[in-house]
Amino acid sequence: MERAVVMTGLGGQGIQLAAKLLAEAAMLEGREVMMFGIFMGMIRGGSSESTVVIGDRPIETPPIVPSAWAVLAMHGDGLAKLGPKLEPGGIVCTNRSLVTSPPAWPGVRQVDVAATDLAKEMGQPLGASMIALGAFVRATGIVGLEALGRALDTVLPPHRRKHAEANRRCLERGADAVAAPAGETAWT
């Protein structure tokens, strides 16, 4: 089985870090992973997108995918073009703080978390992507929250490792903000 997850937002929101963290956590759990990041013109403020393909055997899907099982949207700008790529039975997780009126796609489960607002409440305004990722992981079961926490130690560059514990708290806060799936997960 393969699951393609596309993450979208603006440069500076942590999309690339969240994608690397999801990929590393999946590898820690023994899965196959392929990742591809796209920066549209500038690093801060421009569009940022990353695709992570996770499989339980060698990956067959290229990292630029025609369809996606899931989309995590930190900002609404990239959502309109990604919505049509969503597979029936998939999931879209949005940052409700900035995506206030997400479109509804038939047969796709919608999970919303006020990631930016929650990050500000925690005193971690740069932690919104970690909150959204924690919510996404809890809602889908694609990887375990514990694996995400362990992956932080590998993914964070040395000058950012002092923020690892704050990022773990953000992941946990996001997971606490949504319900775990009733029965089905990413691998069932």
C-alpha atoms as a PDB file:
ATOM      1  CA  MET A   1       0.000   0.000   0.000  1.00  0.00           C
ATOM      2  CA  GLU A   2       1.152   3.546  -0.746  1.00  0.00           C
ATOM      3  CA  ARG A   3      -0.162   6.823   0.663  1.00  0.00           C
ATOM      4  CA  ALA A   4       0.694  10.129  -1.032  1.00  0.00           C
ATOM      5  CA  VAL A   5       0.432  13.157   1.259  1.00  0.00           C
ATOM      6  CA  VAL A   6       0.726  16.657  -0.187  1.00  0.00           C
ATOM      7  CA  MET A   7       1.434  19.549   2.177  1.00  0.00           C
ATOM      8  CA  THR A   8       0.861  23.125   1.094  1.00  0.00           C
ATOM      9  CA  GLY A   9       1.263  26.563   2.582  1.00  0.00           C
ATOM     10  CA  LEU A  10       3.389  29.664   2.415  1.00  0.00           C
ATOM     11  CA  GLY A  11       7.152  29.827   2.741  1.00  0.00           C
ATOM     12  CA  GLY A  12       8.054  30.255   6.395  1.00  0.00           C
ATOM     13  CA  GLN A  13       5.109  28.199   7.719  1.00  0.00           C
ATOM     14  CA  GLY A  14       7.234  25.069   8.174  1.00  0.00           C
ATOM     15  CA  ILE A  15       5.803  22.975   5.321  1.00  0.00           C
ATOM     16  CA  GLN A  16       9.189  21.547   4.322  1.00  0.00           C
ATOM     17  CA  LEU A  17      10.100  20.751   7.943  1.00  0.00           C
ATOM     18  CA  ALA A  18       6.737  19.070   8.549  1.00  0.00           C
ATOM     19  CA  ALA A  19       7.197  16.957   5.403  1.00  0.00           C
ATOM     20  CA  LYS A  20      10.717  15.919   6.434  1.00  0.00           C
ATOM     21  CA  LEU A  21       9.450  15.051   9.892  1.00  0.00           C
ATOM     22  CA  LEU A  22       6.624  12.883   8.521  1.00  0.00           C
ATOM     23  CA  ALA A  23       9.052  11.140   6.148  1.00  0.00           C
ATOM     24  CA  GLU A  24      11.604  10.480   8.897  1.00  0.00           C
ATOM     25  CA  ALA A  25       8.942   9.170  11.296  1.00  0.00           C
ATOM     26  CA  ALA A  26       7.693   6.759   8.627  1.00  0.00           C
ATOM     27  CA  MET A  27      11.267   5.520   8.052  1.00  0.00           C
ATOM     28  CA  LEU A  28      11.708   5.036  11.804  1.00  0.00           C
ATOM     29  CA  GLU A  29       8.624   2.803  11.686  1.00  0.00           C
ATOM     30  CA  GLY A  30      10.213   0.717   8.904  1.00  0.00           C
ATOM     31  CA  ARG A  31       8.272   2.097   5.950  1.00  0.00           C
ATOM     32  CA  GLU A  32       9.541   3.100   2.524  1.00  0.00           C
ATOM     33  CA  VAL A  33       9.476   6.858   1.837  1.00  0.00           C
ATOM     34  CA  MET A  34       9.950   9.270  -1.044  1.00  0.00           C
ATOM     35  CA  MET A  35       9.746  13.051  -0.648  1.00  0.00           C
ATOM     36  CA  PHE A  36       9.797  16.018  -2.985  1.00  0.00           C
ATOM     37  CA  GLY A  37       9.614  19.705  -1.994  1.00  0.00           C
ATOM     38  CA  ILE A  38       8.712  22.661  -4.207  1.00  0.00           C
ATOM     39  CA  PHE A  39       9.382  26.321  -3.409  1.00  0.00           C
ATOM     40  CA  MET A  40       7.585  28.781  -5.674  1.00  0.00           C
ATOM     41  CA  GLY A  41       9.904  31.716  -6.243  1.00  0.00           C
ATOM     42  CA  MET A  42      10.823  32.756  -2.726  1.00  0.00           C
ATOM     43  CA  ILE A  43      11.405  31.134   0.611  1.00  0.00           C
ATOM     44  CA  ARG A  44       9.291  33.359   2.873  1.00  0.00           C
ATOM     45  CA  GLY A  45       5.830  34.355   1.730  1.00  0.00           C
ATOM     46  CA  GLY A  46       5.797  32.455  -1.568  1.00  0.00           C
ATOM     47  CA  SER A  47       3.998  29.186  -2.130  1.00  0.00           C
ATOM     48  CA  SER A  48       5.583  26.095  -0.581  1.00  0.00           C
ATOM     49  CA  GLU A  49       4.540  22.528  -1.280  1.00  0.00           C
ATOM     50  CA  SER A  50       5.928  19.133  -0.398  1.00  0.00           C
ATOM     51  CA  THR A  51       4.834  15.620  -1.295  1.00  0.00           C
ATOM     52  CA  VAL A  52       5.603  12.610   0.888  1.00  0.00           C
ATOM     53  CA  VAL A  53       4.851   9.129  -0.414  1.00  0.00           C
ATOM     54  CA  ILE A  54       4.838   6.418   2.266  1.00  0.00           C
ATOM     55  CA  GLY A  55       4.612   2.731   1.460  1.00  0.00           C
ATOM     56  CA  ASP A  56       4.803  -0.617   3.150  1.00  0.00           C
ATOM     57  CA  ARG A  57       7.041  -1.897   0.307  1.00  0.00           C
ATOM     58  CA  PRO A  58       9.270  -0.178  -2.299  1.00  0.00           C
ATOM     59  CA  ILE A  59       7.648   2.981  -3.673  1.00  0.00           C
ATOM     60  CA  GLU A  60       6.238   2.874  -7.200  1.00  0.00           C
ATOM     61  CA  THR A  61       4.673   6.337  -7.284  1.00  0.00           C
ATOM     62  CA  PRO A  62       6.956   9.191  -8.308  1.00  0.00           C
ATOM     63  CA  PRO A  63       7.118  12.100  -5.846  1.00  0.00           C
ATOM     64  CA  ILE A  64       5.100  14.340  -8.208  1.00  0.00           C
ATOM     65  CA  VAL A  65       1.786  12.549  -7.957  1.00  0.00           C
ATOM     66  CA  PRO A  66      -1.346  12.770 -10.114  1.00  0.00           C
ATOM     67  CA  SER A  67      -3.560  12.084  -7.089  1.00  0.00           C
ATOM     68  CA  ALA A  68      -3.181  12.199  -3.327  1.00  0.00           C
ATOM     69  CA  TRP A  69      -4.666  10.262  -0.463  1.00  0.00           C
ATOM     70  CA  ALA A  70      -4.287  13.295   1.810  1.00  0.00           C
ATOM     71  CA  VAL A  71      -3.653  17.031   1.795  1.00  0.00           C
ATOM     72  CA  LEU A  72      -2.442  19.069   4.757  1.00  0.00           C
ATOM     73  CA  ALA A  73      -3.123  22.769   4.051  1.00  0.00           C
ATOM     74  CA  MET A  74      -1.585  25.420   6.269  1.00  0.00           C
ATOM     75  CA  HIS A  75      -2.900  28.201   4.014  1.00  0.00           C
ATOM     76  CA  GLY A  76      -5.745  28.290   1.502  1.00  0.00           C
ATOM     77  CA  ASP A  77      -3.692  29.480  -1.475  1.00  0.00           C
ATOM     78  CA  GLY A  78      -2.639  26.019  -2.667  1.00  0.00           C
ATOM     79  CA  LEU A  79      -5.799  24.183  -1.681  1.00  0.00           C
ATOM     80  CA  ALA A  80      -7.896  24.934  -4.787  1.00  0.00           C
ATOM     81  CA  LYS A  81      -5.456  23.203  -7.145  1.00  0.00           C
ATOM     82  CA  LEU A  82      -4.874  20.252  -4.791  1.00  0.00           C
ATOM     83  CA  GLY A  83      -8.527  19.487  -4.045  1.00  0.00           C
ATOM     84  CA  PRO A  84      -9.170  17.840  -7.399  1.00  0.00           C
ATOM     85  CA  LYS A  85      -6.190  15.534  -6.734  1.00  0.00           C
ATOM     86  CA  LEU A  86      -7.791  14.129  -3.575  1.00  0.00           C
ATOM     87  CA  GLU A  87      -8.704  10.463  -3.850  1.00  0.00           C
ATOM     88  CA  PRO A  88     -12.130   9.241  -2.701  1.00  0.00           C
ATOM     89  CA  GLY A  89     -11.780   7.991   0.857  1.00  0.00           C
ATOM     90  CA  GLY A  90      -8.912  10.403   1.457  1.00  0.00           C
ATOM     91  CA  ILE A  91      -8.516  13.196   3.963  1.00  0.00           C
ATOM     92  CA  VAL A  92      -7.874  16.924   3.931  1.00  0.00           C
ATOM     93  CA  CYS A  93      -6.519  18.540   7.089  1.00  0.00           C
ATOM     94  CA  THR A  94      -6.663  22.336   7.168  1.00  0.00           C
ATOM     95  CA  ASN A  95      -5.317  25.067   9.407  1.00  0.00           C
ATOM     96  CA  ARG A  96      -8.705  26.534  10.335  1.00  0.00           C
ATOM     97  CA  SER A  97      -6.995  29.711  11.541  1.00  0.00           C
ATOM     98  CA  LEU A  98      -6.103  30.634   7.943  1.00  0.00           C
ATOM     99  CA  VAL A  99      -8.341  28.366   5.836  1.00  0.00           C
ATOM    100  CA  THR A 100     -11.685  29.664   7.029  1.00  0.00           C
ATOM    101  CA  SER A 101     -13.957  28.283   4.284  1.00  0.00           C
ATOM    102  CA  PRO A 102     -12.406  25.135   2.867  1.00  0.00           C
ATOM    103  CA  PRO A 103     -14.251  23.612  -0.067  1.00  0.00           C
ATOM    104  CA  ALA A 104     -15.965  20.295   0.554  1.00  0.00           C
ATOM    105  CA  TRP A 105     -15.014  17.388  -1.660  1.00  0.00           C
ATOM    106  CA  PRO A 106     -17.391  14.412  -1.846  1.00  0.00           C
ATOM    107  CA  GLY A 107     -16.032  11.252  -0.258  1.00  0.00           C
ATOM    108  CA  VAL A 108     -13.141  13.066   1.443  1.00  0.00           C
ATOM    109  CA  ARG A 109     -12.911  13.389   5.221  1.00  0.00           C
ATOM    110  CA  GLN A 110     -12.339  16.935   6.466  1.00  0.00           C
ATOM    111  CA  VAL A 111     -10.248  17.565   9.601  1.00  0.00           C
ATOM    112  CA  ASP A 112      -9.780  21.153  10.729  1.00  0.00           C
ATOM    113  CA  VAL A 113      -7.470  22.393  13.463  1.00  0.00           C
ATOM    114  CA  ALA A 114      -6.879  26.032  14.420  1.00  0.00           C
ATOM    115  CA  ALA A 115      -3.125  25.471  14.252  1.00  0.00           C
ATOM    116  CA  THR A 116      -2.005  29.108  14.094  1.00  0.00           C
ATOM    117  CA  ASP A 117      -4.317  30.160  16.923  1.00  0.00           C
ATOM    118  CA  LEU A 118      -3.263  27.210  19.107  1.00  0.00           C
ATOM    119  CA  ALA A 119       0.415  27.948  18.462  1.00  0.00           C
ATOM    120  CA  LYS A 120      -0.056  31.554  19.562  1.00  0.00           C
ATOM    121  CA  GLU A 121      -1.933  30.406  22.704  1.00  0.00           C
ATOM    122  CA  MET A 122       1.041  28.167  23.544  1.00  0.00           C
ATOM    123  CA  GLY A 123       3.495  31.023  23.067  1.00  0.00           C
ATOM    124  CA  GLN A 124       4.942  29.147  20.069  1.00  0.00           C
ATOM    125  CA  PRO A 125       3.825  31.203  17.036  1.00  0.00           C
ATOM    126  CA  LEU A 126       6.233  29.308  14.765  1.00  0.00           C
ATOM    127  CA  GLY A 127       4.827  25.948  15.894  1.00  0.00           C
ATOM    128  CA  ALA A 128       1.640  25.994  13.815  1.00  0.00           C
ATOM    129  CA  SER A 129       2.913  23.443  11.281  1.00  0.00           C
ATOM    130  CA  MET A 130       3.862  21.078  14.113  1.00  0.00           C
ATOM    131  CA  ILE A 131       0.359  21.427  15.589  1.00  0.00           C
ATOM    132  CA  ALA A 132      -1.202  20.713  12.185  1.00  0.00           C
ATOM    133  CA  LEU A 133       1.093  17.730  11.654  1.00  0.00           C
ATOM    134  CA  GLY A 134       0.224  16.343  15.099  1.00  0.00           C
ATOM    135  CA  ALA A 135      -3.487  16.681  14.279  1.00  0.00           C
ATOM    136  CA  PHE A 136      -2.999  15.057  10.873  1.00  0.00           C
ATOM    137  CA  VAL A 137      -1.091  12.118  12.336  1.00  0.00           C
ATOM    138  CA  ARG A 138      -3.704  11.559  15.066  1.00  0.00           C
ATOM    139  CA  ALA A 139      -6.583  11.777  12.573  1.00  0.00           C
ATOM    140  CA  THR A 140      -5.005   9.378  10.070  1.00  0.00           C
ATOM    141  CA  GLY A 141      -2.742   7.033  12.012  1.00  0.00           C
ATOM    142  CA  ILE A 142      -0.215   7.295   9.159  1.00  0.00           C
ATOM    143  CA  VAL A 143       2.649   7.256  11.700  1.00  0.00           C
ATOM    144  CA  GLY A 144       2.773   7.206  15.468  1.00  0.00           C
ATOM    145  CA  LEU A 145       3.127  10.414  17.475  1.00  0.00           C
ATOM    146  CA  GLU A 146       6.062   8.833  19.307  1.00  0.00           C
ATOM    147  CA  ALA A 147       7.907   8.305  16.000  1.00  0.00           C
ATOM    148  CA  LEU A 148       7.356  11.971  15.116  1.00  0.00           C
ATOM    149  CA  GLY A 149       8.900  12.990  18.426  1.00  0.00           C
ATOM    150  CA  ARG A 150      11.940  10.784  17.836  1.00  0.00           C
ATOM    151  CA  ALA A 151      12.290  12.059  14.276  1.00  0.00           C
ATOM    152  CA  LEU A 152      12.686  15.626  15.547  1.00  0.00           C
ATOM    153  CA  ASP A 153      16.159  14.757  16.829  1.00  0.00           C
ATOM    154  CA  THR A 154      17.220  13.752  13.321  1.00  0.00           C
ATOM    155  CA  VAL A 155      15.378  16.323  11.219  1.00  0.00           C
ATOM    156  CA  LEU A 156      16.041  19.525  13.144  1.00  0.00           C
ATOM    157  CA  PRO A 157      19.292  21.201  12.104  1.00  0.00           C
ATOM    158  CA  PRO A 158      21.808  21.679  14.944  1.00  0.00           C
ATOM    159  CA  HIS A 159      20.974  25.358  15.412  1.00  0.00           C
ATOM    160  CA  ARG A 160      17.255  24.488  15.870  1.00  0.00           C
ATOM    161  CA  ARG A 161      17.610  21.494  18.216  1.00  0.00           C
ATOM    162  CA  LYS A 162      17.091  23.734  21.224  1.00  0.00           C
ATOM    163  CA  HIS A 163      13.468  23.975  20.021  1.00  0.00           C
ATOM    164  CA  ALA A 164      12.901  20.201  19.919  1.00  0.00           C
ATOM    165  CA  GLU A 165      10.926  20.027  23.167  1.00  0.00           C
ATOM    166  CA  ALA A 166       8.681  22.956  22.163  1.00  0.00           C
ATOM    167  CA  ASN A 167       8.057  21.204  18.836  1.00  0.00           C
ATOM    168  CA  ARG A 168       7.149  17.976  20.673  1.00  0.00           C
ATOM    169  CA  ARG A 169       4.623  19.906  22.775  1.00  0.00           C
ATOM    170  CA  CYS A 170       3.152  21.398  19.596  1.00  0.00           C
ATOM    171  CA  LEU A 171       2.830  17.947  18.002  1.00  0.00           C
ATOM    172  CA  GLU A 172       1.051  16.687  21.135  1.00  0.00           C
ATOM    173  CA  ARG A 173      -1.240  19.743  21.262  1.00  0.00           C
ATOM    174  CA  GLY A 174      -2.265  19.141  17.664  1.00  0.00           C
ATOM    175  CA  ALA A 175      -2.931  15.469  18.344  1.00  0.00           C
ATOM    176  CA  ASP A 176      -5.039  16.396  21.371  1.00  0.00           C
ATOM    177  CA  ALA A 177      -7.099  18.818  19.252  1.00  0.00           C
ATOM    178  CA  VAL A 178      -8.638  16.124  17.029  1.00  0.00           C
ATOM    179  CA  ALA A 179     -10.227  12.735  17.448  1.00  0.00           C
ATOM    180  CA  ALA A 180      -8.415   9.547  16.530  1.00  0.00           C
ATOM    181  CA  PRO A 181     -10.041   7.624  13.677  1.00  0.00           C
ATOM    182  CA  ALA A 182     -12.816   5.263  14.664  1.00  0.00           C
ATOM    183  CA  GLY A 183     -11.567   1.982  13.264  1.00  0.00           C
ATOM    184  CA  GLU A 184      -9.846   2.755   9.959  1.00  0.00           C
ATOM    185  CA  THR A 185      -6.370   4.268   9.788  1.00  0.00           C
ATOM    186  CA  ALA A 186      -3.998   4.987   6.941  1.00  0.00           C
ATOM    187  CA  TRP A 187      -2.926   1.348   6.791  1.00  0.00           C
ATOM    188  CA  THR A 188      -6.271  -0.420   7.090  1.00  0.00           C
END
